[in-house]
Amino acid sequence: LAWMMLVSRMNVAMQLNLPNWVRARALA
């Protein structure tokens, strides 16, 4: 539960703070 909540929260932060032109590179 703790692992999923932390990782999911950080993944949401990444997705919502990235423009599309660099999204795949930053997510990589």
PDB file of all heavy atoms in Angstrom:
ATOM      1  N   LEU A   1       0.834  -1.204   0.000  1.00  0.00           N
ATOM      2  CA  LEU A   1       0.000   0.000   0.000  1.00  0.00           C
ATOM      3  C   LEU A   1       0.868   1.253   0.000  1.00  0.00           C
ATOM      4  O   LEU A   1       0.636   2.192  -0.773  1.00  0.00           O
ATOM      5  CB  LEU A   1      -0.926  -0.023   1.219  1.00  0.00           C
ATOM      6  CG  LEU A   1      -1.960   1.096   1.343  1.00  0.00           C
ATOM      7  CD1 LEU A   1      -3.212   0.581   2.040  1.00  0.00           C
ATOM      8  CD2 LEU A   1      -1.413   2.291   2.129  1.00  0.00           C
ATOM      9  N   ALA A   2       1.889   1.282   0.865  1.00  0.00           N
ATOM     10  CA  ALA A   2       2.764   2.451   0.944  1.00  0.00           C
ATOM     11  C   ALA A   2       3.545   2.659  -0.345  1.00  0.00           C
ATOM     12  O   ALA A   2       3.676   3.792  -0.841  1.00  0.00           O
ATOM     13  CB  ALA A   2       3.726   2.296   2.132  1.00  0.00           C
ATOM     14  N   TRP A   3       4.057   1.570  -0.904  1.00  0.00           N
ATOM     15  CA  TRP A   3       4.823   1.654  -2.159  1.00  0.00           C
ATOM     16  C   TRP A   3       3.959   2.243  -3.273  1.00  0.00           C
ATOM     17  O   TRP A   3       4.364   3.171  -3.972  1.00  0.00           O
ATOM     18  CB  TRP A   3       5.309   0.253  -2.532  1.00  0.00           C
ATOM     19  CG  TRP A   3       6.075   0.177  -3.818  1.00  0.00           C
ATOM     20  CD1 TRP A   3       5.549   0.117  -5.075  1.00  0.00           C
ATOM     21  CD2 TRP A   3       7.500   0.129  -3.985  1.00  0.00           C
ATOM     22  NE1 TRP A   3       6.552   0.038  -6.015  1.00  0.00           N
ATOM     23  CE2 TRP A   3       7.758   0.039  -5.372  1.00  0.00           C
ATOM     24  CE3 TRP A   3       8.577   0.134  -3.104  1.00  0.00           C
ATOM     25  CZ2 TRP A   3       9.046  -0.032  -5.894  1.00  0.00           C
ATOM     26  CZ3 TRP A   3       9.864   0.060  -3.614  1.00  0.00           C
ATOM     27  CH2 TRP A   3      10.100  -0.023  -4.989  1.00  0.00           C
ATOM     28  N   MET A   4       2.736   1.714  -3.435  1.00  0.00           N
ATOM     29  CA  MET A   4       1.872   2.167  -4.507  1.00  0.00           C
ATOM     30  C   MET A   4       1.488   3.633  -4.349  1.00  0.00           C
ATOM     31  O   MET A   4       1.516   4.421  -5.294  1.00  0.00           O
ATOM     32  CB  MET A   4       0.612   1.303  -4.570  1.00  0.00           C
ATOM     33  CG  MET A   4      -0.168   1.409  -5.865  1.00  0.00           C
ATOM     34  SD  MET A   4      -0.952   3.002  -6.193  1.00  0.00           S
ATOM     35  CE  MET A   4      -1.877   3.242  -4.690  1.00  0.00           C
ATOM     36  N   MET A   5       1.152   4.052  -3.133  1.00  0.00           N
ATOM     37  CA  MET A   5       0.690   5.420  -2.928  1.00  0.00           C
ATOM     38  C   MET A   5       1.805   6.425  -3.205  1.00  0.00           C
ATOM     39  O   MET A   5       1.574   7.474  -3.816  1.00  0.00           O
ATOM     40  CB  MET A   5       0.140   5.587  -1.515  1.00  0.00           C
ATOM     41  CG  MET A   5      -1.124   4.786  -1.259  1.00  0.00           C
ATOM     42  SD  MET A   5      -1.871   5.085   0.363  1.00  0.00           S
ATOM     43  CE  MET A   5      -2.698   6.629   0.076  1.00  0.00           C
ATOM     44  N   LEU A   6       3.021   6.117  -2.764  1.00  0.00           N
ATOM     45  CA  LEU A   6       4.134   7.039  -3.012  1.00  0.00           C
ATOM     46  C   LEU A   6       4.463   7.097  -4.497  1.00  0.00           C
ATOM     47  O   LEU A   6       4.572   8.184  -5.081  1.00  0.00           O
ATOM     48  CB  LEU A   6       5.350   6.598  -2.195  1.00  0.00           C
ATOM     49  CG  LEU A   6       6.608   7.484  -2.154  1.00  0.00           C
ATOM     50  CD1 LEU A   6       7.459   7.392  -3.395  1.00  0.00           C
ATOM     51  CD2 LEU A   6       6.248   8.921  -1.856  1.00  0.00           C
ATOM     52  N   VAL A   7       4.599   5.940  -5.134  1.00  0.00           N
ATOM     53  CA  VAL A   7       4.972   5.899  -6.548  1.00  0.00           C
ATOM     54  C   VAL A   7       3.888   6.536  -7.410  1.00  0.00           C
ATOM     55  O   VAL A   7       4.177   7.309  -8.332  1.00  0.00           O
ATOM     56  CB  VAL A   7       5.250   4.446  -6.986  1.00  0.00           C
ATOM     57  CG1 VAL A   7       5.426   4.360  -8.494  1.00  0.00           C
ATOM     58  CG2 VAL A   7       6.485   3.919  -6.273  1.00  0.00           C
ATOM     59  N   SER A   8       2.619   6.246  -7.121  1.00  0.00           N
ATOM     60  CA  SER A   8       1.526   6.823  -7.883  1.00  0.00           C
ATOM     61  C   SER A   8       1.493   8.337  -7.733  1.00  0.00           C
ATOM     62  O   SER A   8       1.293   9.071  -8.707  1.00  0.00           O
ATOM     63  CB  SER A   8       0.190   6.225  -7.437  1.00  0.00           C
ATOM     64  OG  SER A   8      -0.886   6.831  -8.117  1.00  0.00           O
ATOM     65  N   ARG A   9       1.721   8.816  -6.522  1.00  0.00           N
ATOM     66  CA  ARG A   9       1.696  10.272  -6.286  1.00  0.00           C
ATOM     67  C   ARG A   9       2.815  10.956  -7.052  1.00  0.00           C
ATOM     68  O   ARG A   9       2.620  12.036  -7.627  1.00  0.00           O
ATOM     69  CB  ARG A   9       1.834  10.562  -4.786  1.00  0.00           C
ATOM     70  CG  ARG A   9       1.608  12.040  -4.444  1.00  0.00           C
ATOM     71  CD  ARG A   9       0.163  12.416  -4.682  1.00  0.00           C
ATOM     72  NE  ARG A   9      -0.038  13.852  -4.547  1.00  0.00           N
ATOM     73  CZ  ARG A   9       0.129  14.732  -5.536  1.00  0.00           C
ATOM     74  NH1 ARG A   9       0.507  14.302  -6.735  1.00  0.00           N
ATOM     75  NH2 ARG A   9      -0.098  16.011  -5.355  1.00  0.00           N
ATOM     76  N   MET A  10       3.996  10.370  -7.081  1.00  0.00           N
ATOM     77  CA  MET A  10       5.109  10.968  -7.801  1.00  0.00           C
ATOM     78  C   MET A  10       4.886  10.888  -9.323  1.00  0.00           C
ATOM     79  O   MET A  10       5.252  11.795 -10.065  1.00  0.00           O
ATOM     80  CB  MET A  10       6.421  10.272  -7.427  1.00  0.00           C
ATOM     81  CG  MET A  10       6.837  10.481  -5.965  1.00  0.00           C
ATOM     82  SD  MET A  10       7.135  12.208  -5.485  1.00  0.00           S
ATOM     83  CE  MET A  10       5.551  12.663  -4.744  1.00  0.00           C
ATOM     84  N   ASN A  11       4.259   9.802  -9.777  1.00  0.00           N
ATOM     85  CA  ASN A  11       3.976   9.675 -11.209  1.00  0.00           C
ATOM     86  C   ASN A  11       2.972  10.720 -11.662  1.00  0.00           C
ATOM     87  O   ASN A  11       3.115  11.314 -12.740  1.00  0.00           O
ATOM     88  CB  ASN A  11       3.456   8.269 -11.518  1.00  0.00           C
ATOM     89  CG  ASN A  11       3.311   8.017 -13.000  1.00  0.00           C
ATOM     90  OD1 ASN A  11       2.269   8.286 -13.588  1.00  0.00           O
ATOM     91  ND2 ASN A  11       4.365   7.506 -13.604  1.00  0.00           N
ATOM     92  N   VAL A  12       1.950  10.976 -10.849  1.00  0.00           N
ATOM     93  CA  VAL A  12       0.976  12.023 -11.166  1.00  0.00           C
ATOM     94  C   VAL A  12       1.675  13.378 -11.236  1.00  0.00           C
ATOM     95  O   VAL A  12       1.413  14.183 -12.141  1.00  0.00           O
ATOM     96  CB  VAL A  12      -0.152  12.052 -10.120  1.00  0.00           C
ATOM     97  CG1 VAL A  12      -1.007  13.306 -10.285  1.00  0.00           C
ATOM     98  CG2 VAL A  12      -1.016  10.811 -10.245  1.00  0.00           C
ATOM     99  N   ALA A  13       2.564  13.641 -10.288  1.00  0.00           N
ATOM    100  CA  ALA A  13       3.291  14.913 -10.295  1.00  0.00           C
ATOM    101  C   ALA A  13       4.092  15.075 -11.582  1.00  0.00           C
ATOM    102  O   ALA A  13       4.148  16.167 -12.159  1.00  0.00           O
ATOM    103  CB  ALA A  13       4.202  14.993  -9.073  1.00  0.00           C
ATOM    104  N   MET A  14       4.717  13.998 -12.046  1.00  0.00           N
ATOM    105  CA  MET A  14       5.465  14.068 -13.299  1.00  0.00           C
ATOM    106  C   MET A  14       4.530  14.361 -14.472  1.00  0.00           C
ATOM    107  O   MET A  14       4.780  15.261 -15.285  1.00  0.00           O
ATOM    108  CB  MET A  14       6.203  12.750 -13.543  1.00  0.00           C
ATOM    109  CG  MET A  14       7.375  12.487 -12.623  1.00  0.00           C
ATOM    110  SD  MET A  14       8.806  13.535 -12.956  1.00  0.00           S
ATOM    111  CE  MET A  14       9.288  12.985 -14.599  1.00  0.00           C
ATOM    112  N   GLN A  15       3.445  13.611 -14.587  1.00  0.00           N
ATOM    113  CA  GLN A  15       2.539  13.757 -15.725  1.00  0.00           C
ATOM    114  C   GLN A  15       1.956  15.165 -15.808  1.00  0.00           C
ATOM    115  O   GLN A  15       1.848  15.747 -16.885  1.00  0.00           O
ATOM    116  CB  GLN A  15       1.396  12.732 -15.624  1.00  0.00           C
ATOM    117  CG  GLN A  15       1.805  11.293 -15.862  1.00  0.00           C
ATOM    118  CD  GLN A  15       1.904  10.963 -17.346  1.00  0.00           C
ATOM    119  OE1 GLN A  15       1.923  11.837 -18.191  1.00  0.00           O
ATOM    120  NE2 GLN A  15       1.979   9.673 -17.662  1.00  0.00           N
ATOM    121  N   LEU A  16       1.585  15.733 -14.656  1.00  0.00           N
ATOM    122  CA  LEU A  16       0.918  17.026 -14.655  1.00  0.00           C
ATOM    123  C   LEU A  16       1.884  18.197 -14.776  1.00  0.00           C
ATOM    124  O   LEU A  16       1.445  19.336 -14.957  1.00  0.00           O
ATOM    125  CB  LEU A  16       0.080  17.177 -13.382  1.00  0.00           C
ATOM    126  CG  LEU A  16      -1.108  16.224 -13.245  1.00  0.00           C
ATOM    127  CD1 LEU A  16      -1.855  16.478 -11.949  1.00  0.00           C
ATOM    128  CD2 LEU A  16      -2.059  16.357 -14.431  1.00  0.00           C
ATOM    129  N   ASN A  17       3.168  17.945 -14.691  1.00  0.00           N
ATOM    130  CA  ASN A  17       4.149  19.030 -14.768  1.00  0.00           C
ATOM    131  C   ASN A  17       5.002  18.968 -16.032  1.00  0.00           C
ATOM    132  O   ASN A  17       6.042  19.625 -16.094  1.00  0.00           O
ATOM    133  CB  ASN A  17       5.053  19.013 -13.530  1.00  0.00           C
ATOM    134  CG  ASN A  17       4.390  19.637 -12.325  1.00  0.00           C
ATOM    135  OD1 ASN A  17       4.352  20.851 -12.164  1.00  0.00           O
ATOM    136  ND2 ASN A  17       3.825  18.791 -11.465  1.00  0.00           N
ATOM    137  N   LEU A  18       4.562  18.196 -17.027  1.00  0.00           N
ATOM    138  CA  LEU A  18       5.358  18.042 -18.245  1.00  0.00           C
ATOM    139  C   LEU A  18       4.583  18.498 -19.474  1.00  0.00           C
ATOM    140  O   LEU A  18       3.428  18.108 -19.659  1.00  0.00           O
ATOM    141  CB  LEU A  18       5.766  16.578 -18.437  1.00  0.00           C
ATOM    142  CG  LEU A  18       6.805  16.022 -17.468  1.00  0.00           C
ATOM    143  CD1 LEU A  18       6.947  14.519 -17.669  1.00  0.00           C
ATOM    144  CD2 LEU A  18       8.142  16.717 -17.668  1.00  0.00           C
ATOM    145  N   PRO A  19       5.199  19.296 -20.350  1.00  0.00           N
ATOM    146  CA  PRO A  19       4.591  19.585 -21.649  1.00  0.00           C
ATOM    147  C   PRO A  19       4.771  18.394 -22.580  1.00  0.00           C
ATOM    148  O   PRO A  19       5.669  17.571 -22.395  1.00  0.00           O
ATOM    149  CB  PRO A  19       5.379  20.799 -22.142  1.00  0.00           C
ATOM    150  CG  PRO A  19       6.717  20.669 -21.476  1.00  0.00           C
ATOM    151  CD  PRO A  19       6.461  20.019 -20.147  1.00  0.00           C
ATOM    152  N   ASN A  20       3.924  18.306 -23.590  1.00  0.00           N
ATOM    153  CA  ASN A  20       3.928  17.122 -24.449  1.00  0.00           C
ATOM    154  C   ASN A  20       5.216  16.967 -25.246  1.00  0.00           C
ATOM    155  O   ASN A  20       5.648  15.839 -25.512  1.00  0.00           O
ATOM    156  CB  ASN A  20       2.737  17.171 -25.408  1.00  0.00           C
ATOM    157  CG  ASN A  20       2.550  15.861 -26.154  1.00  0.00           C
ATOM    158  OD1 ASN A  20       2.356  14.821 -25.539  1.00  0.00           O
ATOM    159  ND2 ASN A  20       2.639  15.907 -27.471  1.00  0.00           N
ATOM    160  N   TRP A  21       5.884  18.080 -25.608  1.00  0.00           N
ATOM    161  CA  TRP A  21       7.035  17.973 -26.503  1.00  0.00           C
ATOM    162  C   TRP A  21       8.195  17.208 -25.884  1.00  0.00           C
ATOM    163  O   TRP A  21       9.026  16.652 -26.593  1.00  0.00           O
ATOM    164  CB  TRP A  21       7.497  19.367 -26.960  1.00  0.00           C
ATOM    165  CG  TRP A  21       8.150  20.228 -25.912  1.00  0.00           C
ATOM    166  CD1 TRP A  21       7.546  21.136 -25.099  1.00  0.00           C
ATOM    167  CD2 TRP A  21       9.548  20.277 -25.580  1.00  0.00           C
ATOM    168  NE1 TRP A  21       8.458  21.749 -24.276  1.00  0.00           N
ATOM    169  CE2 TRP A  21       9.700  21.239 -24.552  1.00  0.00           C
ATOM    170  CE3 TRP A  21      10.673  19.606 -26.041  1.00  0.00           C
ATOM    171  CZ2 TRP A  21      10.937  21.542 -23.986  1.00  0.00           C
ATOM    172  CZ3 TRP A  21      11.905  19.901 -25.471  1.00  0.00           C
ATOM    173  CH2 TRP A  21      12.025  20.860 -24.454  1.00  0.00           C
ATOM    174  N   VAL A  22       8.251  17.156 -24.558  1.00  0.00           N
ATOM    175  CA  VAL A  22       9.367  16.487 -23.887  1.00  0.00           C
ATOM    176  C   VAL A  22       8.886  15.388 -22.946  1.00  0.00           C
ATOM    177  O   VAL A  22       9.665  14.823 -22.189  1.00  0.00           O
ATOM    178  CB  VAL A  22      10.205  17.539 -23.122  1.00  0.00           C
ATOM    179  CG1 VAL A  22       9.491  17.985 -21.839  1.00  0.00           C
ATOM    180  CG2 VAL A  22      11.611  17.038 -22.817  1.00  0.00           C
ATOM    181  N   ARG A  23       7.605  15.057 -23.025  1.00  0.00           N
ATOM    182  CA  ARG A  23       7.005  14.150 -22.036  1.00  0.00           C
ATOM    183  C   ARG A  23       7.701  12.788 -21.976  1.00  0.00           C
ATOM    184  O   ARG A  23       8.075  12.306 -20.901  1.00  0.00           O
ATOM    185  CB  ARG A  23       5.518  13.954 -22.348  1.00  0.00           C
ATOM    186  CG  ARG A  23       4.782  13.118 -21.297  1.00  0.00           C
ATOM    187  CD  ARG A  23       3.324  12.937 -21.683  1.00  0.00           C
ATOM    188  NE  ARG A  23       2.657  14.215 -21.848  1.00  0.00           N
ATOM    189  CZ  ARG A  23       2.143  14.921 -20.840  1.00  0.00           C
ATOM    190  NH1 ARG A  23       2.237  14.466 -19.609  1.00  0.00           N
ATOM    191  NH2 ARG A  23       1.549  16.067 -21.073  1.00  0.00           N
ATOM    192  N   ALA A  24       7.874  12.132 -23.115  1.00  0.00           N
ATOM    193  CA  ALA A  24       8.458  10.789 -23.105  1.00  0.00           C
ATOM    194  C   ALA A  24       9.891  10.807 -22.601  1.00  0.00           C
ATOM    195  O   ALA A  24      10.320   9.903 -21.883  1.00  0.00           O
ATOM    196  CB  ALA A  24       8.392  10.173 -24.503  1.00  0.00           C
ATOM    197  N   ARG A  25      10.657  11.837 -22.961  1.00  0.00           N
ATOM    198  CA  ARG A  25      12.050  11.918 -22.502  1.00  0.00           C
ATOM    199  C   ARG A  25      12.123  12.110 -20.994  1.00  0.00           C
ATOM    200  O   ARG A  25      12.924  11.460 -20.308  1.00  0.00           O
ATOM    201  CB  ARG A  25      12.766  13.067 -23.228  1.00  0.00           C
ATOM    202  CG  ARG A  25      13.268  12.698 -24.606  1.00  0.00           C
ATOM    203  CD  ARG A  25      13.658  13.916 -25.416  1.00  0.00           C
ATOM    204  NE  ARG A  25      12.480  14.596 -25.960  1.00  0.00           N
ATOM    205  CZ  ARG A  25      12.526  15.634 -26.769  1.00  0.00           C
ATOM    206  NH1 ARG A  25      13.692  16.151 -27.118  1.00  0.00           N
ATOM    207  NH2 ARG A  25      11.421  16.178 -27.241  1.00  0.00           N
ATOM    208  N   ALA A  26      11.297  13.002 -20.459  1.00  0.00           N
ATOM    209  CA  ALA A  26      11.322  13.229 -19.009  1.00  0.00           C
ATOM    210  C   ALA A  26      10.805  12.011 -18.249  1.00  0.00           C
ATOM    211  O   ALA A  26      11.348  11.644 -17.198  1.00  0.00           O
ATOM    212  CB  ALA A  26      10.493  14.465 -18.670  1.00  0.00           C
ATOM    213  N   LEU A  27       9.759  11.362 -18.776  1.00  0.00           N
ATOM    214  CA  LEU A  27       9.265  10.147 -18.130  1.00  0.00           C
ATOM    215  C   LEU A  27      10.288   9.019 -18.224  1.00  0.00           C
ATOM    216  O   LEU A  27      10.373   8.160 -17.335  1.00  0.00           O
ATOM    217  CB  LEU A  27       7.945   9.717 -18.764  1.00  0.00           C
ATOM    218  CG  LEU A  27       6.742  10.603 -18.422  1.00  0.00           C
ATOM    219  CD1 LEU A  27       5.536  10.227 -19.270  1.00  0.00           C
ATOM    220  CD2 LEU A  27       6.394  10.499 -16.938  1.00  0.00           C
ATOM    221  N   ALA A  28      11.093   9.025 -19.298  1.00  0.00           N
ATOM    222  CA  ALA A  28      12.166   8.039 -19.406  1.00  0.00           C
ATOM    223  C   ALA A  28      13.203   8.265 -18.317  1.00  0.00           C
ATOM    224  O   ALA A  28      13.733   7.307 -17.734  1.00  0.00           O
ATOM    225  CB  ALA A  28      12.822   8.123 -20.781  1.00  0.00           C
TER     226      ALA A  28
END
